[in-house]
Structures are given as C-alpha cells and as structure tokens.
Amino acid sequence: MKHTVAVLVENRPGVLTRVAGLFSRRGFNIESLAVGITENPDTSRMTIVVNGDDHVLEQVMKQLNKLIDVIRVSDISHDETVHRELALIKVGVDSSTRAEVMQIVDVFRAKIVDVGVRSIVVEVTGDESKINAMEQLLRQFGIKEMVRTGKIAMNRGAKVVQKDKR
C-alpha cells in the first residue's frame, strides 16, 4: 500500500541527506520525494510516498520524528487532499505526427513548452493516473526523455500541516 507522508523540516543544509539516509539505513524504499520551501523561508516541506504496510508506515513516522531538524510528521494518506505530479515529456515528432501529438496534449489539458524540428516537450500536471495515461499514449511516437516530480500534496480546507511549538 502507498502512504503519503508530509514532513515539515527546518530549512537547513543536510536535512534532505539525513532523511534519505534514514530510509536507506532502515531498508525502506521511497517511491517519490518532493521537497520545497514553504510560506516560511525557515521551513521546507517534504512530501514522501512510501510503499509498505501499516507497520512500515509506523516505523517511518517514528524514525522521522527522532530527527532533530524535523518539526512535524503527518500521514496524509487518508485525508482529503489536493495532490499533483508534474512531468516533462520530450516526444519525437515529424511533419506527419506533430498534429496528432498536439491533439493528445490538448485532450489532457497539458502544455507544449518547447518545439523543435524533431521533438516537442510537453508539460503535464495531474494525478499519477493522468500522467501514466498520457505517457502511454505518447509512447507510440517515441519518448526521447521524461522526468517526473513525484507527488506533492496538501490537505483540503482548514486542516494544515503546521509548525509545532518548540
């Protein structure tokens, strides 16, 4: 089972290394990891997707809470969230396939962010299944390169992952 964990951390050098090291030392696999600064420049937020049962999740959360730079750890797997991924996909095209690729991009409400003679770079955002579906359709044209951000997520409504008082 996939679990989504939101981790609020001090925005300091080495924090990401310590978090990733914790996972590798314990033998936990990170399916995706996205990190970025928050509305407060002193804190960053990590959205980590980890595969495993409830016991694995419990161990991950306990170990993360032990790290000094970790402010708060929240399992948001079952919360009402807004979640997205971003992918950039470079697709091989020629004069006969360019229009068809552009139609697929339009259907998925994606954007063409770069056009070359033999390729188009597409930006698509959405949930994992949307990005997977678009990738599958574009494979027939030849995907030259692809990069995905991994999942980012935020609780809907008034519920916030906020800084604990220390």
N, C-alpha and C. Protein backbone atom coordinates (compact mmCIF):
# COMPACT_ATOMS: atom_id res chain seq x y z
N MET A 1 0.84 -1.18 0.00
CA MET A 1 0.00 0.00 0.00
C MET A 1 0.88 1.25 0.00
N LYS A 2 0.46 2.26 -0.73
CA LYS A 2 1.20 3.52 -0.77
C LYS A 2 0.72 4.45 0.34
N HIS A 3 1.68 5.05 1.03
CA HIS A 3 1.38 6.02 2.08
C HIS A 3 2.02 7.35 1.71
N THR A 4 1.28 8.44 1.93
CA THR A 4 1.81 9.77 1.68
C THR A 4 2.07 10.44 3.02
N VAL A 5 3.31 10.87 3.21
CA VAL A 5 3.73 11.47 4.46
C VAL A 5 4.20 12.90 4.19
N ALA A 6 3.64 13.85 4.93
CA ALA A 6 4.06 15.25 4.84
C ALA A 6 4.99 15.53 6.02
N VAL A 7 6.18 16.03 5.71
CA VAL A 7 7.18 16.26 6.75
C VAL A 7 7.61 17.73 6.68
N LEU A 8 7.39 18.44 7.77
CA LEU A 8 7.83 19.83 7.87
C LEU A 8 9.19 19.82 8.56
N VAL A 9 10.19 20.43 7.92
CA VAL A 9 11.56 20.40 8.44
C VAL A 9 12.16 21.79 8.47
N GLU A 10 13.19 21.94 9.28
CA GLU A 10 13.97 23.17 9.27
C GLU A 10 14.65 23.28 7.91
N ASN A 11 14.68 24.47 7.34
CA ASN A 11 15.30 24.69 6.04
C ASN A 11 16.80 24.91 6.26
N ARG A 12 17.53 23.82 6.39
CA ARG A 12 18.97 23.85 6.67
C ARG A 12 19.69 22.87 5.77
N PRO A 13 20.98 23.14 5.50
CA PRO A 13 21.76 22.19 4.69
C PRO A 13 21.86 20.83 5.38
N GLY A 14 21.75 19.77 4.59
CA GLY A 14 21.94 18.42 5.10
C GLY A 14 20.68 17.71 5.57
N VAL A 15 19.57 18.43 5.68
CA VAL A 15 18.34 17.80 6.18
C VAL A 15 17.86 16.71 5.23
N LEU A 16 17.85 17.00 3.94
CA LEU A 16 17.42 16.01 2.96
C LEU A 16 18.30 14.76 3.03
N THR A 17 19.58 14.95 3.18
CA THR A 17 20.52 13.82 3.27
C THR A 17 20.20 12.96 4.48
N ARG A 18 19.92 13.61 5.62
CA ARG A 18 19.60 12.85 6.83
C ARG A 18 18.30 12.06 6.67
N VAL A 19 17.29 12.67 6.05
CA VAL A 19 16.01 11.98 5.85
C VAL A 19 16.20 10.80 4.90
N ALA A 20 16.86 11.03 3.77
CA ALA A 20 17.09 9.94 2.81
C ALA A 20 17.94 8.83 3.43
N GLY A 21 18.93 9.21 4.22
CA GLY A 21 19.78 8.23 4.90
C GLY A 21 18.99 7.36 5.87
N LEU A 22 18.04 7.97 6.55
CA LEU A 22 17.19 7.22 7.47
C LEU A 22 16.45 6.12 6.72
N PHE A 23 15.91 6.45 5.55
CA PHE A 23 15.18 5.45 4.76
C PHE A 23 16.10 4.34 4.30
N SER A 24 17.29 4.68 3.81
CA SER A 24 18.18 3.64 3.29
C SER A 24 18.72 2.77 4.41
N ARG A 25 19.03 3.34 5.57
CA ARG A 25 19.53 2.54 6.70
C ARG A 25 18.49 1.54 7.18
N ARG A 26 17.24 1.92 7.13
CA ARG A 26 16.15 1.05 7.60
C ARG A 26 15.64 0.12 6.51
N GLY A 27 16.12 0.28 5.28
CA GLY A 27 15.69 -0.58 4.19
C GLY A 27 14.31 -0.22 3.65
N PHE A 28 13.84 1.00 3.90
CA PHE A 28 12.57 1.45 3.36
C PHE A 28 12.81 2.08 2.00
N ASN A 29 11.92 1.82 1.07
CA ASN A 29 12.06 2.38 -0.27
C ASN A 29 11.17 3.60 -0.43
N ILE A 30 11.74 4.69 -0.89
CA ILE A 30 10.98 5.90 -1.18
C ILE A 30 10.49 5.79 -2.61
N GLU A 31 9.17 5.82 -2.80
CA GLU A 31 8.63 5.78 -4.15
C GLU A 31 8.75 7.15 -4.82
N SER A 32 8.46 8.21 -4.06
CA SER A 32 8.71 9.56 -4.58
C SER A 32 8.98 10.49 -3.41
N LEU A 33 9.72 11.54 -3.71
CA LEU A 33 10.12 12.52 -2.72
C LEU A 33 10.17 13.88 -3.38
N ALA A 34 9.39 14.80 -2.87
CA ALA A 34 9.40 16.17 -3.38
C ALA A 34 9.66 17.11 -2.20
N VAL A 35 10.55 18.06 -2.39
CA VAL A 35 10.92 18.98 -1.32
C VAL A 35 10.88 20.39 -1.84
N GLY A 36 10.35 21.29 -1.04
CA GLY A 36 10.35 22.70 -1.41
C GLY A 36 10.14 23.58 -0.20
N ILE A 37 10.52 24.81 -0.37
CA ILE A 37 10.37 25.80 0.69
C ILE A 37 8.88 26.08 0.90
N THR A 38 8.50 26.46 2.10
CA THR A 38 7.11 26.78 2.41
C THR A 38 6.90 28.29 2.41
N GLU A 39 5.74 28.70 2.89
CA GLU A 39 5.45 30.12 3.02
C GLU A 39 6.39 30.80 4.03
N ASN A 40 7.02 30.00 4.87
CA ASN A 40 8.01 30.48 5.84
C ASN A 40 9.39 30.08 5.33
N PRO A 41 10.28 31.02 5.03
CA PRO A 41 11.58 30.67 4.47
C PRO A 41 12.48 29.84 5.40
N ASP A 42 12.09 29.71 6.67
CA ASP A 42 12.88 28.91 7.61
C ASP A 42 12.49 27.44 7.59
N THR A 43 11.42 27.11 6.87
CA THR A 43 10.97 25.71 6.83
C THR A 43 10.79 25.22 5.40
N SER A 44 10.99 23.93 5.23
CA SER A 44 10.72 23.26 3.96
C SER A 44 9.73 22.15 4.24
N ARG A 45 9.05 21.74 3.18
CA ARG A 45 8.09 20.64 3.31
C ARG A 45 8.50 19.53 2.36
N MET A 46 8.51 18.34 2.89
CA MET A 46 8.78 17.14 2.10
C MET A 46 7.48 16.36 1.96
N THR A 47 7.19 15.94 0.75
CA THR A 47 6.09 15.01 0.53
C THR A 47 6.74 13.71 0.10
N ILE A 48 6.58 12.70 0.93
CA ILE A 48 7.24 11.42 0.70
C ILE A 48 6.17 10.35 0.50
N VAL A 49 6.30 9.60 -0.58
CA VAL A 49 5.41 8.46 -0.82
C VAL A 49 6.24 7.21 -0.58
N VAL A 50 5.76 6.39 0.35
CA VAL A 50 6.48 5.16 0.71
C VAL A 50 5.53 3.98 0.55
N ASN A 51 6.06 2.88 0.05
CA ASN A 51 5.30 1.66 -0.14
C ASN A 51 5.49 0.77 1.07
N GLY A 52 4.41 0.21 1.58
CA GLY A 52 4.52 -0.73 2.69
C GLY A 52 3.23 -0.82 3.47
N ASP A 53 3.23 -1.73 4.42
CA ASP A 53 2.04 -1.90 5.25
C ASP A 53 2.02 -0.86 6.37
N ASP A 54 1.02 -0.97 7.25
CA ASP A 54 0.89 0.00 8.34
C ASP A 54 2.08 -0.04 9.29
N HIS A 55 2.68 -1.20 9.46
CA HIS A 55 3.86 -1.32 10.33
C HIS A 55 5.03 -0.52 9.76
N VAL A 56 5.24 -0.61 8.45
CA VAL A 56 6.30 0.17 7.80
C VAL A 56 6.03 1.66 8.00
N LEU A 57 4.79 2.08 7.79
CA LEU A 57 4.43 3.49 7.97
C LEU A 57 4.71 3.94 9.40
N GLU A 58 4.32 3.14 10.36
CA GLU A 58 4.55 3.48 11.77
C GLU A 58 6.04 3.65 12.06
N GLN A 59 6.86 2.73 11.55
CA GLN A 59 8.30 2.82 11.75
C GLN A 59 8.89 4.07 11.09
N VAL A 60 8.45 4.35 9.86
CA VAL A 60 8.92 5.54 9.14
C VAL A 60 8.61 6.79 9.95
N MET A 61 7.38 6.90 10.44
CA MET A 61 6.98 8.10 11.18
C MET A 61 7.75 8.23 12.49
N LYS A 62 7.95 7.14 13.20
CA LYS A 62 8.71 7.18 14.46
C LYS A 62 10.15 7.61 14.20
N GLN A 63 10.78 7.04 13.17
CA GLN A 63 12.17 7.38 12.87
C GLN A 63 12.30 8.84 12.42
N LEU A 64 11.37 9.31 11.59
CA LEU A 64 11.41 10.71 11.15
C LEU A 64 11.26 11.65 12.33
N ASN A 65 10.37 11.33 13.26
CA ASN A 65 10.16 12.19 14.44
C ASN A 65 11.39 12.29 15.33
N LYS A 66 12.30 11.32 15.24
CA LYS A 66 13.53 11.34 16.04
C LYS A 66 14.58 12.31 15.49
N LEU A 67 14.48 12.66 14.20
CA LEU A 67 15.47 13.55 13.60
C LEU A 67 15.31 14.97 14.14
N ILE A 68 16.41 15.59 14.48
CA ILE A 68 16.40 16.90 15.14
C ILE A 68 15.80 18.01 14.28
N ASP A 69 16.02 17.99 12.98
CA ASP A 69 15.52 19.06 12.12
C ASP A 69 14.07 18.87 11.69
N VAL A 70 13.47 17.76 12.09
CA VAL A 70 12.07 17.50 11.74
C VAL A 70 11.16 18.20 12.74
N ILE A 71 10.27 19.01 12.22
CA ILE A 71 9.33 19.76 13.06
C ILE A 71 8.05 18.96 13.28
N ARG A 72 7.51 18.40 12.19
CA ARG A 72 6.25 17.67 12.29
C ARG A 72 6.16 16.63 11.17
N VAL A 73 5.59 15.48 11.50
CA VAL A 73 5.37 14.41 10.53
C VAL A 73 3.88 14.08 10.53
N SER A 74 3.27 14.05 9.35
CA SER A 74 1.84 13.76 9.25
C SER A 74 1.60 12.74 8.15
N ASP A 75 0.82 11.71 8.49
CA ASP A 75 0.35 10.77 7.47
C ASP A 75 -0.91 11.37 6.88
N ILE A 76 -0.83 11.77 5.61
CA ILE A 76 -1.99 12.38 4.96
C ILE A 76 -2.62 11.42 3.93
N SER A 77 -2.29 10.15 4.05
CA SER A 77 -2.76 9.15 3.10
C SER A 77 -4.28 9.07 3.01
N HIS A 78 -4.95 9.24 4.13
CA HIS A 78 -6.40 9.07 4.16
C HIS A 78 -7.13 10.40 4.32
N ASP A 79 -6.39 11.50 4.34
CA ASP A 79 -7.01 12.83 4.44
C ASP A 79 -7.55 13.24 3.08
N GLU A 80 -8.45 14.20 3.09
CA GLU A 80 -8.88 14.80 1.83
C GLU A 80 -7.78 15.76 1.41
N THR A 81 -7.15 15.44 0.28
CA THR A 81 -6.02 16.24 -0.17
C THR A 81 -6.18 16.65 -1.62
N VAL A 82 -5.45 17.69 -1.97
CA VAL A 82 -5.22 18.04 -3.36
C VAL A 82 -3.82 17.51 -3.64
N HIS A 83 -3.67 16.68 -4.65
CA HIS A 83 -2.35 16.15 -4.96
C HIS A 83 -2.10 16.20 -6.46
N ARG A 84 -0.85 16.44 -6.79
CA ARG A 84 -0.46 16.59 -8.19
C ARG A 84 0.96 16.06 -8.38
N GLU A 85 1.23 15.73 -9.64
CA GLU A 85 2.58 15.47 -10.13
C GLU A 85 2.78 16.35 -11.34
N LEU A 86 4.01 16.59 -11.67
CA LEU A 86 4.37 17.31 -12.89
C LEU A 86 5.30 16.40 -13.68
N ALA A 87 5.10 16.36 -14.99
CA ALA A 87 6.01 15.61 -15.85
C ALA A 87 6.35 16.47 -17.06
N LEU A 88 7.60 16.39 -17.47
CA LEU A 88 8.05 16.93 -18.75
C LEU A 88 8.39 15.74 -19.63
N ILE A 89 7.79 15.71 -20.81
CA ILE A 89 7.97 14.57 -21.71
C ILE A 89 8.42 15.10 -23.07
N LYS A 90 9.61 14.66 -23.51
CA LYS A 90 10.10 15.02 -24.84
C LYS A 90 9.70 13.90 -25.80
N VAL A 91 8.90 14.28 -26.80
CA VAL A 91 8.34 13.31 -27.74
C VAL A 91 8.92 13.55 -29.12
N GLY A 92 9.33 12.49 -29.77
CA GLY A 92 9.81 12.58 -31.15
C GLY A 92 8.64 12.83 -32.10
N VAL A 93 8.77 13.82 -32.98
CA VAL A 93 7.72 14.12 -33.96
C VAL A 93 8.35 14.42 -35.31
N ASP A 94 7.51 14.32 -36.33
CA ASP A 94 7.87 14.81 -37.66
C ASP A 94 6.63 15.50 -38.21
N SER A 95 6.68 15.94 -39.45
CA SER A 95 5.57 16.70 -40.00
C SER A 95 4.26 15.90 -40.04
N SER A 96 4.36 14.59 -40.09
CA SER A 96 3.14 13.79 -40.16
C SER A 96 2.54 13.44 -38.80
N THR A 97 3.32 13.56 -37.72
CA THR A 97 2.82 13.19 -36.39
C THR A 97 2.62 14.38 -35.45
N ARG A 98 3.17 15.51 -35.82
CA ARG A 98 3.11 16.69 -34.95
C ARG A 98 1.67 17.05 -34.55
N ALA A 99 0.75 17.09 -35.49
CA ALA A 99 -0.64 17.47 -35.22
C ALA A 99 -1.32 16.49 -34.27
N GLU A 100 -1.04 15.19 -34.45
CA GLU A 100 -1.65 14.17 -33.59
C GLU A 100 -1.15 14.31 -32.15
N VAL A 101 0.14 14.56 -31.98
CA VAL A 101 0.69 14.77 -30.63
C VAL A 101 0.05 16.02 -30.01
N MET A 102 -0.11 17.07 -30.79
CA MET A 102 -0.71 18.30 -30.29
C MET A 102 -2.17 18.06 -29.86
N GLN A 103 -2.89 17.20 -30.55
CA GLN A 103 -4.26 16.87 -30.16
C GLN A 103 -4.29 16.14 -28.82
N ILE A 104 -3.37 15.20 -28.63
CA ILE A 104 -3.29 14.48 -27.35
C ILE A 104 -2.98 15.46 -26.22
N VAL A 105 -2.06 16.36 -26.46
CA VAL A 105 -1.70 17.37 -25.47
C VAL A 105 -2.94 18.18 -25.10
N ASP A 106 -3.72 18.55 -26.08
CA ASP A 106 -4.93 19.35 -25.85
C ASP A 106 -5.97 18.57 -25.04
N VAL A 107 -6.18 17.32 -25.37
CA VAL A 107 -7.15 16.49 -24.66
C VAL A 107 -6.80 16.37 -23.18
N PHE A 108 -5.51 16.27 -22.87
CA PHE A 108 -5.06 16.12 -21.49
C PHE A 108 -4.88 17.46 -20.77
N ARG A 109 -5.22 18.54 -21.45
CA ARG A 109 -5.03 19.89 -20.91
C ARG A 109 -3.59 20.11 -20.45
N ALA A 110 -2.69 19.57 -21.23
CA ALA A 110 -1.26 19.76 -20.98
C ALA A 110 -0.79 20.96 -21.80
N LYS A 111 0.49 21.26 -21.73
CA LYS A 111 1.05 22.39 -22.48
C LYS A 111 2.27 21.94 -23.26
N ILE A 112 2.44 22.53 -24.42
CA ILE A 112 3.68 22.36 -25.16
C ILE A 112 4.58 23.50 -24.72
N VAL A 113 5.74 23.15 -24.16
CA VAL A 113 6.63 24.17 -23.61
C VAL A 113 7.89 24.38 -24.45
N ASP A 114 8.10 23.50 -25.44
CA ASP A 114 9.22 23.67 -26.35
C ASP A 114 8.93 22.90 -27.63
N VAL A 115 9.25 23.52 -28.76
CA VAL A 115 9.05 22.89 -30.06
C VAL A 115 10.36 22.91 -30.81
N GLY A 116 10.76 21.73 -31.29
CA GLY A 116 11.94 21.62 -32.13
C GLY A 116 11.56 21.00 -33.46
N VAL A 117 12.52 20.86 -34.34
CA VAL A 117 12.26 20.27 -35.64
C VAL A 117 11.83 18.82 -35.50
N ARG A 118 12.47 18.08 -34.59
CA ARG A 118 12.20 16.65 -34.46
C ARG A 118 11.60 16.26 -33.10
N SER A 119 11.25 17.25 -32.27
CA SER A 119 10.70 16.90 -30.96
C SER A 119 9.81 18.03 -30.42
N ILE A 120 8.98 17.63 -29.49
CA ILE A 120 8.13 18.56 -28.73
C ILE A 120 8.31 18.20 -27.27
N VAL A 121 8.42 19.22 -26.40
CA VAL A 121 8.45 18.97 -24.96
C VAL A 121 7.09 19.37 -24.41
N VAL A 122 6.48 18.42 -23.70
CA VAL A 122 5.13 18.59 -23.15
C VAL A 122 5.23 18.67 -21.63
N GLU A 123 4.47 19.59 -21.05
CA GLU A 123 4.34 19.70 -19.60
C GLU A 123 2.94 19.25 -19.23
N VAL A 124 2.85 18.29 -18.34
CA VAL A 124 1.54 17.80 -17.90
C VAL A 124 1.52 17.73 -16.38
N THR A 125 0.42 18.19 -15.79
CA THR A 125 0.23 18.10 -14.35
C THR A 125 -1.07 17.35 -14.08
N GLY A 126 -1.09 16.66 -12.97
CA GLY A 126 -2.30 15.93 -12.58
C GLY A 126 -1.94 14.81 -11.63
N ASP A 127 -2.90 13.92 -11.42
CA ASP A 127 -2.60 12.79 -10.55
C ASP A 127 -1.80 11.74 -11.33
N GLU A 128 -1.33 10.76 -10.61
CA GLU A 128 -0.46 9.73 -11.19
C GLU A 128 -1.11 9.04 -12.38
N SER A 129 -2.39 8.74 -12.29
CA SER A 129 -3.05 8.01 -13.37
C SER A 129 -3.15 8.84 -14.64
N LYS A 130 -3.36 10.15 -14.51
CA LYS A 130 -3.42 11.03 -15.69
C LYS A 130 -2.06 11.04 -16.40
N ILE A 131 -1.01 11.19 -15.63
CA ILE A 131 0.32 11.26 -16.21
C ILE A 131 0.69 9.91 -16.84
N ASN A 132 0.33 8.82 -16.17
CA ASN A 132 0.59 7.49 -16.74
C ASN A 132 -0.15 7.30 -18.05
N ALA A 133 -1.41 7.75 -18.11
CA ALA A 133 -2.21 7.60 -19.34
C ALA A 133 -1.61 8.40 -20.48
N MET A 134 -1.18 9.63 -20.19
CA MET A 134 -0.59 10.46 -21.24
C MET A 134 0.73 9.85 -21.72
N GLU A 135 1.53 9.39 -20.79
CA GLU A 135 2.80 8.74 -21.15
C GLU A 135 2.54 7.55 -22.08
N GLN A 136 1.54 6.75 -21.73
CA GLN A 136 1.22 5.57 -22.53
C GLN A 136 0.83 5.96 -23.97
N LEU A 137 0.02 6.99 -24.11
CA LEU A 137 -0.39 7.43 -25.45
C LEU A 137 0.77 8.01 -26.26
N LEU A 138 1.67 8.69 -25.59
CA LEU A 138 2.79 9.32 -26.30
C LEU A 138 3.90 8.33 -26.66
N ARG A 139 3.90 7.17 -26.03
CA ARG A 139 4.94 6.16 -26.31
C ARG A 139 4.96 5.76 -27.78
N GLN A 140 3.82 5.72 -28.42
CA GLN A 140 3.76 5.32 -29.84
C GLN A 140 4.55 6.26 -30.74
N PHE A 141 4.79 7.49 -30.30
CA PHE A 141 5.53 8.45 -31.11
C PHE A 141 7.02 8.43 -30.77
N GLY A 142 7.37 7.80 -29.66
CA GLY A 142 8.75 7.71 -29.24
C GLY A 142 9.09 8.76 -28.20
N ILE A 143 9.10 8.36 -26.95
CA ILE A 143 9.50 9.27 -25.87
C ILE A 143 11.02 9.28 -25.83
N LYS A 144 11.60 10.45 -26.05
CA LYS A 144 13.05 10.59 -26.06
C LYS A 144 13.60 10.79 -24.66
N GLU A 145 12.80 11.46 -23.82
CA GLU A 145 13.24 11.78 -22.47
C GLU A 145 12.01 12.11 -21.64
N MET A 146 12.07 11.78 -20.34
CA MET A 146 10.95 12.11 -19.46
C MET A 146 11.47 12.32 -18.05
N VAL A 147 10.88 13.27 -17.34
CA VAL A 147 11.19 13.49 -15.94
C VAL A 147 9.89 13.80 -15.21
N ARG A 148 9.75 13.22 -14.00
CA ARG A 148 8.55 13.42 -13.19
C ARG A 148 8.96 13.92 -11.82
N THR A 149 8.12 14.77 -11.23
CA THR A 149 8.43 15.33 -9.92
C THR A 149 8.16 14.38 -8.78
N GLY A 150 7.24 13.48 -8.95
CA GLY A 150 6.72 12.74 -7.82
C GLY A 150 5.56 13.53 -7.24
N LYS A 151 4.88 12.94 -6.30
CA LYS A 151 3.65 13.51 -5.76
C LYS A 151 3.93 14.66 -4.79
N ILE A 152 3.16 15.72 -4.92
CA ILE A 152 3.08 16.73 -3.88
C ILE A 152 1.63 16.77 -3.45
N ALA A 153 1.38 17.06 -2.18
CA ALA A 153 0.01 17.01 -1.67
C ALA A 153 -0.19 18.03 -0.56
N MET A 154 -1.43 18.47 -0.44
CA MET A 154 -1.81 19.42 0.59
C MET A 154 -3.23 19.09 1.02
N ASN A 155 -3.49 19.20 2.32
CA ASN A 155 -4.84 18.96 2.82
C ASN A 155 -5.80 19.99 2.28
N ARG A 156 -7.02 19.54 2.02
CA ARG A 156 -8.08 20.46 1.59
C ARG A 156 -8.63 21.19 2.81
N GLY A 157 -9.25 22.33 2.57
CA GLY A 157 -9.96 23.04 3.63
C GLY A 157 -9.05 23.63 4.68
N ALA A 158 -9.56 23.66 5.91
CA ALA A 158 -8.89 24.36 7.00
C ALA A 158 -7.76 23.57 7.65
N LYS A 159 -7.70 22.26 7.44
CA LYS A 159 -6.66 21.46 8.08
C LYS A 159 -5.30 21.80 7.49
N VAL A 160 -4.32 22.08 8.37
CA VAL A 160 -2.98 22.48 7.91
C VAL A 160 -1.93 21.63 8.61
N VAL A 161 -0.85 21.37 7.88
CA VAL A 161 0.32 20.78 8.50
C VAL A 161 1.15 21.98 8.92
N GLN A 162 1.14 22.27 10.23
CA GLN A 162 1.81 23.49 10.68
C GLN A 162 2.90 23.18 11.68
N LYS A 163 3.67 24.19 11.98
CA LYS A 163 4.81 24.08 12.87
C LYS A 163 4.36 23.82 14.31
N ASP A 164 4.95 22.79 14.92
CA ASP A 164 4.71 22.55 16.33
C ASP A 164 5.41 23.61 17.15
N LYS A 165 4.89 23.92 18.29
CA LYS A 165 5.56 24.86 19.21
C LYS A 165 6.69 24.12 19.89
N ARG A 166 7.90 24.66 19.81
CA ARG A 166 9.04 24.00 20.47
C ARG A 166 9.48 24.82 21.64
